[in-house]
Amino acid sequence: MNKRRMTVLLPLLATALALGACSPKYNWRESSDDGAHFVVLLPGKPARVTRTVDLDGPKAEMSMTAAEIDGTTFAVGTAELADSAAAARALDAMAAALLNNIGGKAREGAALPGKTGEFSRTLDLDAQGTVRGRPLRLVARLAAKGRRVYQVLILGDAKAVTDENIETFFGSFKPT
């Protein structure tokens, strides 16, 4: 092959390889729960489930909307409690349960992106833990607005929970 032809083909080949390597693993799309209590960007097609949870006393039906990419879960849960005081208190129970699930401890002073002004109370968590020998990172915002509580979280391998994913996910979350 002559030198001139190589000069043209090498950049084309490099570009083709780069584009192939950039196939979107994270296909961010706007999602909400069935009751439209929030809007958020999720990195894949969401699944939804509702189950009864114990929030350290009051039991509530929590609806979860989540997407999983390569073992990393992006999820938003929401539930309505009897009153705003119960909702604010429930955040501590939610935090304890999440940390207990991964045997983790939250780093002090975690501050996640996104607006929090419309909530009556928020708790931001950034924790390391282990489940079945697998080290995990949990990043979560727990928030109360009126009688409603929100659990916004990413859980996965520490390398997959990137600053870019945290910014996109938490920055996009809006309660309605």
Protein backbone atom coordinates (compact mmCIF):
# COMPACT_ATOMS: atom_id res chain seq x y z
CA MET A 1 0.00 0.00 0.00
CA ASN A 2 1.45 3.39 -0.86
CA LYS A 3 2.20 6.08 1.71
CA ARG A 4 -0.48 8.47 0.43
CA ARG A 5 -3.21 5.87 0.74
CA MET A 6 -2.10 5.03 4.31
CA THR A 7 -2.25 8.72 5.21
CA VAL A 8 -5.93 8.78 4.23
CA LEU A 9 -6.93 5.37 5.61
CA LEU A 10 -5.35 5.63 9.07
CA PRO A 11 -7.40 8.68 10.18
CA LEU A 12 -10.57 7.08 8.80
CA LEU A 13 -9.85 3.83 10.63
CA ALA A 14 -9.06 5.68 13.86
CA THR A 15 -12.32 7.65 13.57
CA ALA A 16 -14.34 4.49 12.91
CA LEU A 17 -12.81 2.76 15.93
CA ALA A 18 -13.43 5.77 18.14
CA LEU A 19 -17.07 6.01 17.09
CA GLY A 20 -17.56 2.30 17.66
CA ALA A 21 -16.09 2.61 21.14
CA CYS A 22 -18.49 5.47 21.93
CA SER A 23 -21.68 3.47 21.58
CA PRO A 24 -23.98 4.92 24.22
CA LYS A 25 -24.03 2.68 27.27
CA TYR A 26 -26.07 5.35 29.04
CA ASN A 27 -29.13 6.18 26.95
CA TRP A 28 -30.47 9.00 29.15
CA ARG A 29 -34.22 9.51 28.82
CA GLU A 30 -36.82 11.45 30.76
CA SER A 31 -38.90 9.24 33.04
CA SER A 32 -41.51 9.64 35.75
CA ASP A 33 -43.55 7.43 38.02
CA ASP A 34 -47.08 6.41 37.10
CA GLY A 35 -48.52 9.07 39.43
CA ALA A 36 -46.21 11.76 37.96
CA HIS A 37 -44.79 12.75 41.34
CA PHE A 38 -41.39 13.45 39.74
CA VAL A 39 -39.42 13.71 36.53
CA VAL A 40 -35.84 12.40 36.21
CA LEU A 41 -33.36 11.30 33.56
CA LEU A 42 -32.69 7.55 33.68
CA PRO A 43 -29.91 5.87 31.68
CA GLY A 44 -32.13 3.14 30.24
CA LYS A 45 -35.68 1.86 29.99
CA PRO A 46 -37.27 2.05 33.46
CA ALA A 47 -38.95 -0.72 35.39
CA ARG A 48 -41.53 0.01 38.08
CA VAL A 49 -42.47 -1.80 41.25
CA THR A 50 -44.54 -0.95 44.33
CA ARG A 51 -44.10 -2.56 47.71
CA THR A 52 -44.90 -1.94 51.35
CA VAL A 53 -42.01 -0.57 53.39
CA ASP A 54 -41.64 0.04 57.12
CA LEU A 55 -40.39 3.55 57.76
CA ASP A 56 -39.57 2.99 61.44
CA GLY A 57 -43.18 2.84 62.50
CA PRO A 58 -45.45 3.91 59.71
CA LYS A 59 -45.83 1.50 56.82
CA ALA A 60 -46.24 2.98 53.37
CA GLU A 61 -46.60 1.87 49.77
CA MET A 62 -43.37 2.91 48.05
CA SER A 63 -43.31 3.04 44.26
CA MET A 64 -39.88 2.62 42.68
CA THR A 65 -38.90 3.57 39.14
CA ALA A 66 -35.45 2.27 38.21
CA ALA A 67 -33.04 1.46 35.43
CA GLU A 68 -29.97 -0.78 35.63
CA ILE A 69 -26.88 -0.49 33.47
CA ASP A 70 -24.11 -3.11 33.91
CA GLY A 71 -25.06 -3.80 37.53
CA THR A 72 -25.45 -0.14 38.52
CA THR A 73 -28.95 0.85 39.59
CA PHE A 74 -30.43 4.33 39.18
CA ALA A 75 -33.71 4.57 41.09
CA VAL A 76 -36.33 6.93 42.45
CA GLY A 77 -38.79 5.81 45.10
CA THR A 78 -41.72 7.79 46.40
CA ALA A 79 -44.31 7.27 49.12
CA GLU A 80 -46.96 9.33 50.85
CA LEU A 81 -47.25 9.36 54.64
CA ALA A 82 -49.92 10.53 57.09
CA ASP A 83 -48.52 14.05 57.48
CA SER A 84 -45.47 16.21 56.81
CA ALA A 85 -43.93 15.51 60.24
CA ALA A 86 -44.05 11.75 59.56
CA ALA A 87 -42.49 12.33 56.13
CA ALA A 88 -39.59 14.33 57.62
CA ARG A 89 -38.98 11.65 60.30
CA ALA A 90 -39.10 8.84 57.72
CA LEU A 91 -35.89 10.08 56.07
CA ASP A 92 -33.79 8.82 59.00
CA ALA A 93 -35.36 5.35 58.73
CA MET A 94 -34.77 5.34 54.97
CA ALA A 95 -31.10 6.32 55.44
CA ALA A 96 -30.57 3.64 58.10
CA ALA A 97 -32.15 0.95 55.89
CA LEU A 98 -30.07 1.90 52.82
CA LEU A 99 -26.82 1.90 54.79
CA ASN A 100 -27.75 -1.37 56.51
CA ASN A 101 -28.45 -3.01 53.12
CA ILE A 102 -24.82 -2.48 52.06
CA GLY A 103 -23.23 -2.69 55.52
CA GLY A 104 -21.99 0.81 54.82
CA LYS A 105 -21.21 4.03 56.55
CA ALA A 106 -21.99 7.43 55.05
CA ARG A 107 -19.23 9.94 54.41
CA GLU A 108 -19.81 13.16 56.35
CA GLY A 109 -20.78 16.31 54.49
CA ALA A 110 -22.04 14.75 51.25
CA ALA A 111 -23.64 17.38 49.02
CA LEU A 112 -25.22 16.20 45.79
CA PRO A 113 -26.09 18.28 42.73
CA GLY A 114 -29.63 19.40 42.06
CA LYS A 115 -32.10 21.76 43.63
CA THR A 116 -33.33 21.13 47.16
CA GLY A 117 -35.11 24.40 48.00
CA GLU A 118 -38.62 23.04 47.61
CA PHE A 119 -38.11 20.23 50.14
CA SER A 120 -38.82 20.63 53.84
CA ARG A 121 -35.92 18.29 54.66
CA THR A 122 -33.17 16.49 52.74
CA LEU A 123 -30.44 14.00 53.60
CA ASP A 124 -27.60 13.38 51.13
CA LEU A 125 -25.63 10.14 51.47
CA ASP A 126 -22.38 9.00 49.89
CA ALA A 127 -21.37 5.62 51.29
CA GLN A 128 -19.15 2.63 50.60
CA GLY A 129 -20.29 -0.87 51.51
CA THR A 130 -20.23 -4.50 50.49
CA VAL A 131 -22.94 -6.93 49.39
CA ARG A 132 -21.99 -10.62 48.95
CA GLY A 133 -18.32 -9.68 48.81
CA ARG A 134 -18.88 -7.05 46.12
CA PRO A 135 -17.74 -3.51 47.05
CA LEU A 136 -20.42 -0.94 46.28
CA ARG A 137 -20.95 2.78 46.37
CA LEU A 138 -24.31 4.25 47.32
CA VAL A 139 -25.11 7.86 46.49
CA ALA A 140 -28.58 8.96 47.61
CA ARG A 141 -30.76 11.96 48.27
CA LEU A 142 -33.65 11.43 50.64
CA ALA A 143 -36.15 14.26 50.66
CA ALA A 144 -39.51 15.23 52.15
CA LYS A 145 -42.02 17.57 50.55
CA GLY A 146 -45.32 17.84 52.36
CA ARG A 147 -46.54 14.31 53.09
CA ARG A 148 -44.40 12.80 50.30
CA VAL A 149 -40.92 11.28 50.65
CA TYR A 150 -38.47 10.73 47.81
CA GLN A 151 -35.55 8.30 47.65
CA VAL A 152 -33.26 9.15 44.74
CA LEU A 153 -30.22 6.85 44.46
CA ILE A 154 -27.42 5.30 42.48
CA LEU A 155 -25.99 1.98 43.69
CA GLY A 156 -23.18 0.14 41.98
CA ASP A 157 -19.47 -0.45 41.58
CA ALA A 158 -17.52 2.63 42.66
CA LYS A 159 -15.97 2.98 39.19
CA ALA A 160 -19.41 3.06 37.54
CA VAL A 161 -20.77 5.70 39.91
CA THR A 162 -19.00 8.58 38.18
CA ASP A 163 -19.23 12.32 38.82
CA GLU A 164 -20.80 12.70 35.37
CA ASN A 165 -23.54 10.14 36.14
CA ILE A 166 -24.17 11.72 39.55
CA GLU A 167 -24.47 15.19 37.98
CA THR A 168 -26.80 14.02 35.19
CA PHE A 169 -29.05 11.91 37.41
CA PHE A 170 -29.39 14.09 40.51
CA GLY A 171 -29.33 17.34 38.54
CA SER A 172 -32.30 16.17 36.47
CA PHE A 173 -34.54 15.12 39.36
CA LYS A 174 -37.57 17.36 39.86
CA PRO A 175 -40.53 16.62 42.12
CA THR A 176 -43.89 17.64 40.68
